[in-house]
Protein backbone atom coordinates (compact mmCIF):
# COMPACT_ATOMS: atom_id res chain seq x y z
CA UNK A 1 0.00 0.00 0.00
CA UNK A 2 1.42 3.39 -1.02
CA UNK A 3 0.93 6.36 1.25
CA UNK A 4 1.02 9.86 -0.13
CA UNK A 5 1.16 13.13 1.74
CA UNK A 6 1.89 16.81 1.57
CA UNK A 7 4.31 18.88 3.64
CA UNK A 8 2.52 22.12 4.53
CA UNK A 9 5.82 23.57 5.74
CA UNK A 10 5.25 25.98 8.64
CA UNK A 11 1.72 26.84 7.52
CA UNK A 12 0.03 25.58 10.69
CA UNK A 13 3.01 25.25 13.02
CA UNK A 14 6.34 27.05 13.35
CA UNK A 15 9.36 24.77 13.19
CA UNK A 16 12.93 25.95 13.68
CA UNK A 17 14.37 23.86 10.86
CA UNK A 18 11.94 25.41 8.36
CA UNK A 19 12.09 29.09 9.47
CA UNK A 20 15.39 29.57 11.31
CA UNK A 21 15.28 33.38 11.06
CA UNK A 22 12.24 33.56 13.38
CA UNK A 23 14.14 31.65 16.07
CA UNK A 24 17.42 33.62 15.91
CA UNK A 25 18.76 34.45 19.36
CA UNK A 26 16.27 32.16 21.14
CA UNK A 27 16.70 28.74 22.73
CA UNK A 28 13.24 27.75 21.44
CA UNK A 29 13.00 24.80 19.06
CA UNK A 30 9.27 24.80 18.29
CA UNK A 31 6.22 27.07 18.37
CA UNK A 32 5.31 26.25 21.97
CA UNK A 33 8.71 27.12 23.42
CA UNK A 34 8.99 30.11 21.04
CA UNK A 35 5.72 31.58 22.38
CA UNK A 36 6.82 30.95 25.97
CA UNK A 37 10.13 32.76 25.38
CA UNK A 38 8.59 35.68 23.47
CA UNK A 39 5.71 36.25 25.89
CA UNK A 40 2.05 36.06 24.94
CA UNK A 41 1.58 39.62 23.66
CA UNK A 42 4.65 39.74 21.45
CA UNK A 43 4.33 36.16 20.19
CA UNK A 44 0.74 36.69 19.04
CA UNK A 45 1.65 39.73 17.00
CA UNK A 46 4.70 38.11 15.40
CA UNK A 47 2.91 34.85 14.61
CA UNK A 48 -0.05 36.63 13.03
CA UNK A 49 2.20 38.75 10.84
CA UNK A 50 4.25 35.78 9.69
CA UNK A 51 1.30 33.57 8.87
CA UNK A 52 -0.55 36.34 7.04
CA UNK A 53 2.13 36.72 4.39
């Protein structure tokens, strides 16, 4: 049985290996730890801007 899929690449979730520039200077490795490090107010604004483009 063949399985086929699609990589939506950082469309629904930030990942450090796909968008390293967003994680520069942070110890975060995924969206959860990135939001925790950035703080809720700043992370929401940055995430919205990035996903809108």
